[in-house]
Amino acid sequence: DVGAWSWKSNRTSIKHAIENSLIDCQKNNK
């Protein structure tokens, strides 16, 4: 909600895409 963002694609599953984009977003949103 403060604007940090990330997206991931070409993962082995939707679950991995969700987890990886959240982890990367959290790094940008420390």
Full PDB file with SEQRES, HELIX, SHEET, SSBOND, CRYST1, ORIGX, SCALE, CONECT and MASTER records, all heavy atoms in Angstrom:
SEQRES   1 A   30  ASP VAL GLY ALA TRP SER TRP LYS SER ASN ARG THR SER          
SEQRES   2 A   30  ILE LYS HIS ALA ILE GLU ASN SER LEU ILE ASP CYS GLN          
SEQRES   3 A   30  LYS ASN ASN LYS                                              
HELIX    1 AA1 ILE A   14  ASN A   28  1                                  15    
CRYST1    1.000    1.000    1.000  90.00  90.00  90.00 P 1           1          
ORIGX1      1.000000  0.000000  0.000000        0.00000                         
ORIGX2      0.000000  1.000000  0.000000        0.00000                         
ORIGX3      0.000000  0.000000  1.000000        0.00000                         
SCALE1      1.000000  0.000000  0.000000        0.00000                         
SCALE2      0.000000  1.000000  0.000000        0.00000                         
SCALE3      0.000000  0.000000  1.000000        0.00000                         
ATOM      1  N   ASP A   1       0.806  -1.223   0.000  1.00  0.00           N  
ATOM      2  CA  ASP A   1       0.000   0.000   0.000  1.00  0.00           C  
ATOM      3  C   ASP A   1       0.839   1.274   0.000  1.00  0.00           C  
ATOM      4  O   ASP A   1       0.288   2.366  -0.070  1.00  0.00           O  
ATOM      5  CB  ASP A   1      -0.960   0.012   1.190  1.00  0.00           C  
ATOM      6  CG  ASP A   1      -2.105  -0.970   1.005  1.00  0.00           C  
ATOM      7  OD1 ASP A   1      -2.401  -1.330  -0.153  1.00  0.00           O  
ATOM      8  OD2 ASP A   1      -2.712  -1.365   2.009  1.00  0.00           O  
ATOM      9  N   VAL A   2       2.152   1.159   0.103  1.00  0.00           N  
ATOM     10  CA  VAL A   2       3.013   2.338   0.003  1.00  0.00           C  
ATOM     11  C   VAL A   2       3.736   2.408  -1.329  1.00  0.00           C  
ATOM     12  O   VAL A   2       4.537   3.298  -1.558  1.00  0.00           O  
ATOM     13  CB  VAL A   2       4.024   2.431   1.172  1.00  0.00           C  
ATOM     14  CG1 VAL A   2       3.324   2.720   2.469  1.00  0.00           C  
ATOM     15  CG2 VAL A   2       4.881   1.207   1.263  1.00  0.00           C  
ATOM     16  N   GLY A   3       3.461   1.445  -2.223  1.00  0.00           N  
ATOM     17  CA  GLY A   3       3.992   1.519  -3.581  1.00  0.00           C  
ATOM     18  C   GLY A   3       5.114   0.559  -3.929  1.00  0.00           C  
ATOM     19  O   GLY A   3       5.512   0.487  -5.090  1.00  0.00           O  
ATOM     20  N   ALA A   4       5.651  -0.186  -2.975  1.00  0.00           N  
ATOM     21  CA  ALA A   4       6.675  -1.181  -3.305  1.00  0.00           C  
ATOM     22  C   ALA A   4       6.011  -2.270  -4.145  1.00  0.00           C  
ATOM     23  O   ALA A   4       4.852  -2.604  -3.932  1.00  0.00           O  
ATOM     24  CB  ALA A   4       7.281  -1.775  -2.045  1.00  0.00           C  
ATOM     25  N   TRP A   5       6.729  -2.822  -5.127  1.00  0.00           N  
ATOM     26  CA  TRP A   5       6.117  -3.812  -6.005  1.00  0.00           C  
ATOM     27  C   TRP A   5       7.174  -4.747  -6.579  1.00  0.00           C  
ATOM     28  O   TRP A   5       8.363  -4.478  -6.539  1.00  0.00           O  
ATOM     29  CB  TRP A   5       5.374  -3.125  -7.157  1.00  0.00           C  
ATOM     30  CG  TRP A   5       6.267  -2.265  -8.010  1.00  0.00           C  
ATOM     31  CD1 TRP A   5       6.623  -0.973  -7.755  1.00  0.00           C  
ATOM     32  CD2 TRP A   5       6.944  -2.638  -9.197  1.00  0.00           C  
ATOM     33  NE1 TRP A   5       7.477  -0.513  -8.721  1.00  0.00           N  
ATOM     34  CE2 TRP A   5       7.689  -1.521  -9.632  1.00  0.00           C  
ATOM     35  CE3 TRP A   5       6.998  -3.798  -9.954  1.00  0.00           C  
ATOM     36  CZ2 TRP A   5       8.477  -1.534 -10.779  1.00  0.00           C  
ATOM     37  CZ3 TRP A   5       7.782  -3.821 -11.105  1.00  0.00           C  
ATOM     38  CH2 TRP A   5       8.508  -2.696 -11.508  1.00  0.00           C  
ATOM     39  N   SER A   6       6.716  -5.852  -7.122  1.00  0.00           N  
ATOM     40  CA  SER A   6       7.566  -6.810  -7.819  1.00  0.00           C  
ATOM     41  C   SER A   6       6.674  -7.801  -8.550  1.00  0.00           C  
ATOM     42  O   SER A   6       5.539  -8.037  -8.142  1.00  0.00           O  
ATOM     43  CB  SER A   6       8.449  -7.570  -6.824  1.00  0.00           C  
ATOM     44  OG  SER A   6       9.219  -8.542  -7.505  1.00  0.00           O  
ATOM     45  N   TRP A   7       7.181  -8.355  -9.637  1.00  0.00           N  
ATOM     46  CA  TRP A   7       6.457  -9.431 -10.304  1.00  0.00           C  
ATOM     47  C   TRP A   7       7.449 -10.481 -10.765  1.00  0.00           C  
ATOM     48  O   TRP A   7       8.615 -10.193 -11.004  1.00  0.00           O  
ATOM     49  CB  TRP A   7       5.597  -8.912 -11.454  1.00  0.00           C  
ATOM     50  CG  TRP A   7       6.329  -8.271 -12.596  1.00  0.00           C  
ATOM     51  CD1 TRP A   7       6.605  -6.950 -12.733  1.00  0.00           C  
ATOM     52  CD2 TRP A   7       6.863  -8.918 -13.749  1.00  0.00           C  
ATOM     53  NE1 TRP A   7       7.279  -6.723 -13.899  1.00  0.00           N  
ATOM     54  CE2 TRP A   7       7.444  -7.925 -14.553  1.00  0.00           C  
ATOM     55  CE3 TRP A   7       6.920 -10.235 -14.194  1.00  0.00           C  
ATOM     56  CZ2 TRP A   7       8.077  -8.198 -15.766  1.00  0.00           C  
ATOM     57  CZ3 TRP A   7       7.538 -10.509 -15.402  1.00  0.00           C  
ATOM     58  CH2 TRP A   7       8.097  -9.505 -16.177  1.00  0.00           C  
ATOM     59  N   LYS A   8       6.980 -11.681 -10.830  1.00  0.00           N  
ATOM     60  CA  LYS A   8       7.800 -12.814 -11.280  1.00  0.00           C  
ATOM     61  C   LYS A   8       6.995 -13.644 -12.267  1.00  0.00           C  
ATOM     62  O   LYS A   8       5.782 -13.772 -12.158  1.00  0.00           O  
ATOM     63  CB  LYS A   8       8.218 -13.704 -10.097  1.00  0.00           C  
ATOM     64  CG  LYS A   8       9.083 -13.004  -9.080  1.00  0.00           C  
ATOM     65  CD  LYS A   8      10.408 -12.596  -9.668  1.00  0.00           C  
ATOM     66  CE  LYS A   8      11.252 -11.873  -8.637  1.00  0.00           C  
ATOM     67  NZ  LYS A   8      12.366 -11.166  -9.210  1.00  0.00           N  
ATOM     68  N   SER A   9       7.699 -14.210 -13.226  1.00  0.00           N  
ATOM     69  CA  SER A   9       7.037 -15.068 -14.216  1.00  0.00           C  
ATOM     70  C   SER A   9       7.945 -16.250 -14.550  1.00  0.00           C  
ATOM     71  O   SER A   9       9.066 -16.342 -14.063  1.00  0.00           O  
ATOM     72  CB  SER A   9       6.737 -14.273 -15.495  1.00  0.00           C  
ATOM     73  OG  SER A   9       7.950 -13.928 -16.146  1.00  0.00           O  
ATOM     74  N   ASN A  10       7.412 -17.143 -15.401  1.00  0.00           N  
ATOM     75  CA  ASN A  10       8.151 -18.316 -15.871  1.00  0.00           C  
ATOM     76  C   ASN A  10       8.624 -19.182 -14.703  1.00  0.00           C  
ATOM     77  O   ASN A  10       9.743 -19.662 -14.685  1.00  0.00           O  
ATOM     78  CB  ASN A  10       9.331 -17.886 -16.753  1.00  0.00           C  
ATOM     79  CG  ASN A  10       9.859 -19.048 -17.569  1.00  0.00           C  
ATOM     80  OD1 ASN A  10       9.142 -20.009 -17.846  1.00  0.00           O  
ATOM     81  ND2 ASN A  10      11.122 -18.968 -17.959  1.00  0.00           N  
ATOM     82  N   ARG A  11       7.745 -19.361 -13.719  1.00  0.00           N  
ATOM     83  CA  ARG A  11       8.046 -20.223 -12.577  1.00  0.00           C  
ATOM     84  C   ARG A  11       7.432 -21.598 -12.825  1.00  0.00           C  
ATOM     85  O   ARG A  11       6.611 -21.781 -13.714  1.00  0.00           O  
ATOM     86  CB  ARG A  11       7.512 -19.623 -11.277  1.00  0.00           C  
ATOM     87  CG  ARG A  11       8.123 -18.262 -10.912  1.00  0.00           C  
ATOM     88  CD  ARG A  11       9.641 -18.395 -10.771  1.00  0.00           C  
ATOM     89  NE  ARG A  11      10.264 -17.228 -10.217  1.00  0.00           N  
ATOM     90  CZ  ARG A  11      11.013 -16.379 -10.909  1.00  0.00           C  
ATOM     91  NH1 ARG A  11      11.195 -16.552 -12.192  1.00  0.00           N  
ATOM     92  NH2 ARG A  11      11.600 -15.366 -10.324  1.00  0.00           N  
ATOM     93  N   THR A  12       7.812 -22.570 -12.036  1.00  0.00           N  
ATOM     94  CA  THR A  12       7.316 -23.935 -12.231  1.00  0.00           C  
ATOM     95  C   THR A  12       5.855 -24.091 -11.848  1.00  0.00           C  
ATOM     96  O   THR A  12       5.202 -25.030 -12.287  1.00  0.00           O  
ATOM     97  CB  THR A  12       8.167 -24.939 -11.428  1.00  0.00           C  
ATOM     98  OG1 THR A  12       8.172 -24.545 -10.057  1.00  0.00           O  
ATOM     99  CG2 THR A  12       9.593 -24.994 -11.956  1.00  0.00           C  
ATOM    100  N   SER A  13       5.350 -23.175 -11.017  1.00  0.00           N  
ATOM    101  CA  SER A  13       3.936 -23.221 -10.633  1.00  0.00           C  
ATOM    102  C   SER A  13       3.473 -21.822 -10.236  1.00  0.00           C  
ATOM    103  O   SER A  13       4.290 -20.925 -10.006  1.00  0.00           O  
ATOM    104  CB  SER A  13       3.724 -24.181  -9.460  1.00  0.00           C  
ATOM    105  OG  SER A  13       4.309 -23.647  -8.285  1.00  0.00           O  
ATOM    106  N   ILE A  14       2.175 -21.663 -10.140  1.00  0.00           N  
ATOM    107  CA  ILE A  14       1.624 -20.386  -9.693  1.00  0.00           C  
ATOM    108  C   ILE A  14       2.062 -20.114  -8.258  1.00  0.00           C  
ATOM    109  O   ILE A  14       2.383 -18.984  -7.896  1.00  0.00           O  
ATOM    110  CB  ILE A  14       0.086 -20.388  -9.816  1.00  0.00           C  
ATOM    111  CG1 ILE A  14      -0.311 -20.401 -11.284  1.00  0.00           C  
ATOM    112  CG2 ILE A  14      -0.525 -19.193  -9.116  1.00  0.00           C  
ATOM    113  CD1 ILE A  14      -1.792 -20.544 -11.530  1.00  0.00           C  
ATOM    114  N   LYS A  15       2.096 -21.175  -7.438  1.00  0.00           N  
ATOM    115  CA  LYS A  15       2.516 -21.018  -6.043  1.00  0.00           C  
ATOM    116  C   LYS A  15       3.919 -20.429  -5.961  1.00  0.00           C  
ATOM    117  O   LYS A  15       4.172 -19.509  -5.173  1.00  0.00           O  
ATOM    118  CB  LYS A  15       2.469 -22.374  -5.337  1.00  0.00           C  
ATOM    119  CG  LYS A  15       2.899 -22.317  -3.897  1.00  0.00           C  
ATOM    120  CD  LYS A  15       2.908 -23.688  -3.265  1.00  0.00           C  
ATOM    121  CE  LYS A  15       3.478 -23.598  -1.848  1.00  0.00           C  
ATOM    122  NZ  LYS A  15       3.727 -24.891  -1.259  1.00  0.00           N  
ATOM    123  N   HIS A  16       4.840 -20.917  -6.792  1.00  0.00           N  
ATOM    124  CA  HIS A  16       6.214 -20.388  -6.783  1.00  0.00           C  
ATOM    125  C   HIS A  16       6.249 -18.946  -7.279  1.00  0.00           C  
ATOM    126  O   HIS A  16       7.008 -18.124  -6.763  1.00  0.00           O  
ATOM    127  CB  HIS A  16       7.143 -21.260  -7.618  1.00  0.00           C  
ATOM    128  CG  HIS A  16       7.468 -22.564  -6.975  1.00  0.00           C  
ATOM    129  ND1 HIS A  16       7.352 -23.757  -7.625  1.00  0.00           N  
ATOM    130  CD2 HIS A  16       7.886 -22.856  -5.711  1.00  0.00           C  
ATOM    131  CE1 HIS A  16       7.684 -24.739  -6.808  1.00  0.00           C  
ATOM    132  NE2 HIS A  16       8.004 -24.216  -5.640  1.00  0.00           N  
ATOM    133  N   ALA A  17       5.445 -18.626  -8.267  1.00  0.00           N  
ATOM    134  CA  ALA A  17       5.394 -17.252  -8.766  1.00  0.00           C  
ATOM    135  C   ALA A  17       4.902 -16.308  -7.675  1.00  0.00           C  
ATOM    136  O   ALA A  17       5.452 -15.217  -7.479  1.00  0.00           O  
ATOM    137  CB  ALA A  17       4.497 -17.170  -9.995  1.00  0.00           C  
ATOM    138  N   ILE A  18       3.859 -16.720  -6.956  1.00  0.00           N  
ATOM    139  CA  ILE A  18       3.319 -15.904  -5.866  1.00  0.00           C  
ATOM    140  C   ILE A  18       4.362 -15.714  -4.766  1.00  0.00           C  
ATOM    141  O   ILE A  18       4.622 -14.594  -4.325  1.00  0.00           O  
ATOM    142  CB  ILE A  18       2.027 -16.543  -5.297  1.00  0.00           C  
ATOM    143  CG1 ILE A  18       0.887 -16.417  -6.312  1.00  0.00           C  
ATOM    144  CG2 ILE A  18       1.638 -15.917  -3.966  1.00  0.00           C  
ATOM    145  CD1 ILE A  18      -0.366 -17.195  -5.939  1.00  0.00           C  
ATOM    146  N   GLU A  19       4.979 -16.810  -4.328  1.00  0.00           N  
ATOM    147  CA  GLU A  19       5.977 -16.719  -3.263  1.00  0.00           C  
ATOM    148  C   GLU A  19       7.156 -15.843  -3.664  1.00  0.00           C  
ATOM    149  O   GLU A  19       7.597 -14.987  -2.890  1.00  0.00           O  
ATOM    150  CB  GLU A  19       6.469 -18.117  -2.874  1.00  0.00           C  
ATOM    151  CG  GLU A  19       5.454 -18.922  -2.101  1.00  0.00           C  
ATOM    152  CD  GLU A  19       5.923 -20.348  -1.807  1.00  0.00           C  
ATOM    153  OE1 GLU A  19       7.028 -20.731  -2.248  1.00  0.00           O  
ATOM    154  OE2 GLU A  19       5.176 -21.063  -1.125  1.00  0.00           O  
ATOM    155  N   ASN A  20       7.675 -16.032  -4.893  1.00  0.00           N  
ATOM    156  CA  ASN A  20       8.835 -15.261  -5.335  1.00  0.00           C  
ATOM    157  C   ASN A  20       8.529 -13.776  -5.505  1.00  0.00           C  
ATOM    158  O   ASN A  20       9.346 -12.926  -5.146  1.00  0.00           O  
ATOM    159  CB  ASN A  20       9.386 -15.822  -6.647  1.00  0.00           C  
ATOM    160  CG  ASN A  20      10.018 -17.196  -6.513  1.00  0.00           C  
ATOM    161  OD1 ASN A  20      10.189 -17.912  -7.486  1.00  0.00           O  
ATOM    162  ND2 ASN A  20      10.379 -17.590  -5.294  1.00  0.00           N  
ATOM    163  N   SER A  21       7.352 -13.454  -6.008  1.00  0.00           N  
ATOM    164  CA  SER A  21       7.009 -12.029  -6.162  1.00  0.00           C  
ATOM    165  C   SER A  21       6.789 -11.377  -4.791  1.00  0.00           C  
ATOM    166  O   SER A  21       7.173 -10.221  -4.591  1.00  0.00           O  
ATOM    167  CB  SER A  21       5.789 -11.846  -7.061  1.00  0.00           C  
ATOM    168  OG  SER A  21       4.645 -12.413  -6.479  1.00  0.00           O  
ATOM    169  N   LEU A  22       6.198 -12.109  -3.846  1.00  0.00           N  
ATOM    170  CA  LEU A  22       6.027 -11.568  -2.492  1.00  0.00           C  
ATOM    171  C   LEU A  22       7.378 -11.351  -1.803  1.00  0.00           C  
ATOM    172  O   LEU A  22       7.596 -10.314  -1.173  1.00  0.00           O  
ATOM    173  CB  LEU A  22       5.154 -12.495  -1.650  1.00  0.00           C  
ATOM    174  CG  LEU A  22       3.654 -12.387  -1.871  1.00  0.00           C  
ATOM    175  CD1 LEU A  22       2.918 -13.489  -1.113  1.00  0.00           C  
ATOM    176  CD2 LEU A  22       3.127 -11.030  -1.458  1.00  0.00           C  
ATOM    177  N   ILE A  23       8.281 -12.312  -1.926  1.00  0.00           N  
ATOM    178  CA  ILE A  23       9.606 -12.188  -1.303  1.00  0.00           C  
ATOM    179  C   ILE A  23      10.348 -10.984  -1.867  1.00  0.00           C  
ATOM    180  O   ILE A  23      10.921 -10.177  -1.127  1.00  0.00           O  
ATOM    181  CB  ILE A  23      10.422 -13.488  -1.485  1.00  0.00           C  
ATOM    182  CG1 ILE A  23       9.839 -14.597  -0.623  1.00  0.00           C  
ATOM    183  CG2 ILE A  23      11.895 -13.267  -1.154  1.00  0.00           C  
ATOM    184  CD1 ILE A  23      10.387 -15.985  -0.927  1.00  0.00           C  
ATOM    185  N   ASP A  24      10.309 -10.820  -3.186  1.00  0.00           N  
ATOM    186  CA  ASP A  24      11.002  -9.697  -3.815  1.00  0.00           C  
ATOM    187  C   ASP A  24      10.342  -8.364  -3.445  1.00  0.00           C  
ATOM    188  O   ASP A  24      11.024  -7.368  -3.193  1.00  0.00           O  
ATOM    189  CB  ASP A  24      11.026  -9.881  -5.339  1.00  0.00           C  
ATOM    190  CG  ASP A  24      12.128  -9.087  -5.998  1.00  0.00           C  
ATOM    191  OD1 ASP A  24      13.221  -8.976  -5.405  1.00  0.00           O  
ATOM    192  OD2 ASP A  24      11.893  -8.565  -7.106  1.00  0.00           O  
ATOM    193  N   CYS A  25       9.038  -8.337  -3.391  1.00  0.00           N  
ATOM    194  CA  CYS A  25       8.318  -7.129  -2.991  1.00  0.00           C  
ATOM    195  C   CYS A  25       8.674  -6.759  -1.547  1.00  0.00           C  
ATOM    196  O   CYS A  25       8.891  -5.587  -1.233  1.00  0.00           O  
ATOM    197  CB  CYS A  25       6.810  -7.334  -3.147  1.00  0.00           C  
ATOM    198  SG  CYS A  25       5.814  -5.899  -2.687  1.00  0.00           S  
ATOM    199  N   GLN A  26       8.747  -7.756  -0.674  1.00  0.00           N  
ATOM    200  CA  GLN A  26       9.096  -7.513   0.728  1.00  0.00           C  
ATOM    201  C   GLN A  26      10.503  -6.939   0.860  1.00  0.00           C  
ATOM    202  O   GLN A  26      10.759  -6.108   1.717  1.00  0.00           O  
ATOM    203  CB  GLN A  26       8.945  -8.790   1.535  1.00  0.00           C  
ATOM    204  CG  GLN A  26       7.499  -9.194   1.711  1.00  0.00           C  
ATOM    205  CD  GLN A  26       7.334 -10.629   2.189  1.00  0.00           C  
ATOM    206  OE1 GLN A  26       8.287 -11.401   2.240  1.00  0.00           O  
ATOM    207  NE2 GLN A  26       6.104 -10.989   2.524  1.00  0.00           N  
ATOM    208  N   LYS A  27      11.414  -7.362  -0.003  1.00  0.00           N  
ATOM    209  CA  LYS A  27      12.768  -6.796   0.004  1.00  0.00           C  
ATOM    210  C   LYS A  27      12.724  -5.311  -0.358  1.00  0.00           C  
ATOM    211  O   LYS A  27      13.484  -4.516   0.180  1.00  0.00           O  
ATOM    212  CB  LYS A  27      13.669  -7.540  -0.983  1.00  0.00           C  
ATOM    213  CG  LYS A  27      14.069  -8.922  -0.526  1.00  0.00           C  
ATOM    214  CD  LYS A  27      14.927  -9.609  -1.574  1.00  0.00           C  
ATOM    215  CE  LYS A  27      15.215 -11.041  -1.192  1.00  0.00           C  
ATOM    216  NZ  LYS A  27      15.939 -11.765  -2.263  1.00  0.00           N  
ATOM    217  N   ASN A  28      11.841  -4.958  -1.287  1.00  0.00           N  
ATOM    218  CA  ASN A  28      11.698  -3.551  -1.689  1.00  0.00           C  
ATOM    219  C   ASN A  28      10.912  -2.734  -0.672  1.00  0.00           C  
ATOM    220  O   ASN A  28      10.859  -1.515  -0.770  1.00  0.00           O  
ATOM    221  CB  ASN A  28      10.984  -3.458  -3.045  1.00  0.00           C  
ATOM    222  CG  ASN A  28      11.758  -4.120  -4.148  1.00  0.00           C  
ATOM    223  OD1 ASN A  28      12.983  -4.189  -4.118  1.00  0.00           O  
ATOM    224  ND2 ASN A  28      11.055  -4.621  -5.147  1.00  0.00           N  
ATOM    225  N   ASN A  29      10.290  -3.409   0.274  1.00  0.00           N  
ATOM    226  CA  ASN A  29       9.367  -2.766   1.215  1.00  0.00           C  
ATOM    227  C   ASN A  29       9.827  -2.925   2.666  1.00  0.00           C  
ATOM    228  O   ASN A  29       9.017  -2.884   3.577  1.00  0.00           O  
ATOM    229  CB  ASN A  29       7.973  -3.383   1.026  1.00  0.00           C  
ATOM    230  CG  ASN A  29       6.876  -2.589   1.673  1.00  0.00           C  
ATOM    231  OD1 ASN A  29       6.923  -1.382   1.747  1.00  0.00           O  
ATOM    232  ND2 ASN A  29       5.864  -3.294   2.151  1.00  0.00           N  
ATOM    233  N   LYS A  30      11.114  -3.094   2.900  1.00  0.00           N  
ATOM    234  CA  LYS A  30      11.633  -3.403   4.240  1.00  0.00           C  
ATOM    235  C   LYS A  30      11.156  -2.437   5.313  1.00  0.00           C  
ATOM    236  O   LYS A  30      10.761  -2.851   6.398  1.00  0.00           O  
ATOM    237  CB  LYS A  30      13.165  -3.417   4.230  1.00  0.00           C  
ATOM    238  CG  LYS A  30      13.752  -4.631   3.598  1.00  0.00           C  
ATOM    239  CD  LYS A  30      15.262  -4.584   3.647  1.00  0.00           C  
ATOM    240  CE  LYS A  30      15.844  -5.772   2.920  1.00  0.00           C  
ATOM    241  NZ  LYS A  30      17.295  -5.710   2.856  1.00  0.00           N  
TER     242      LYS A  30                                                      
MASTER        0    0    0    1    0    0    0    6  241    1    0    3          
END                                                                             
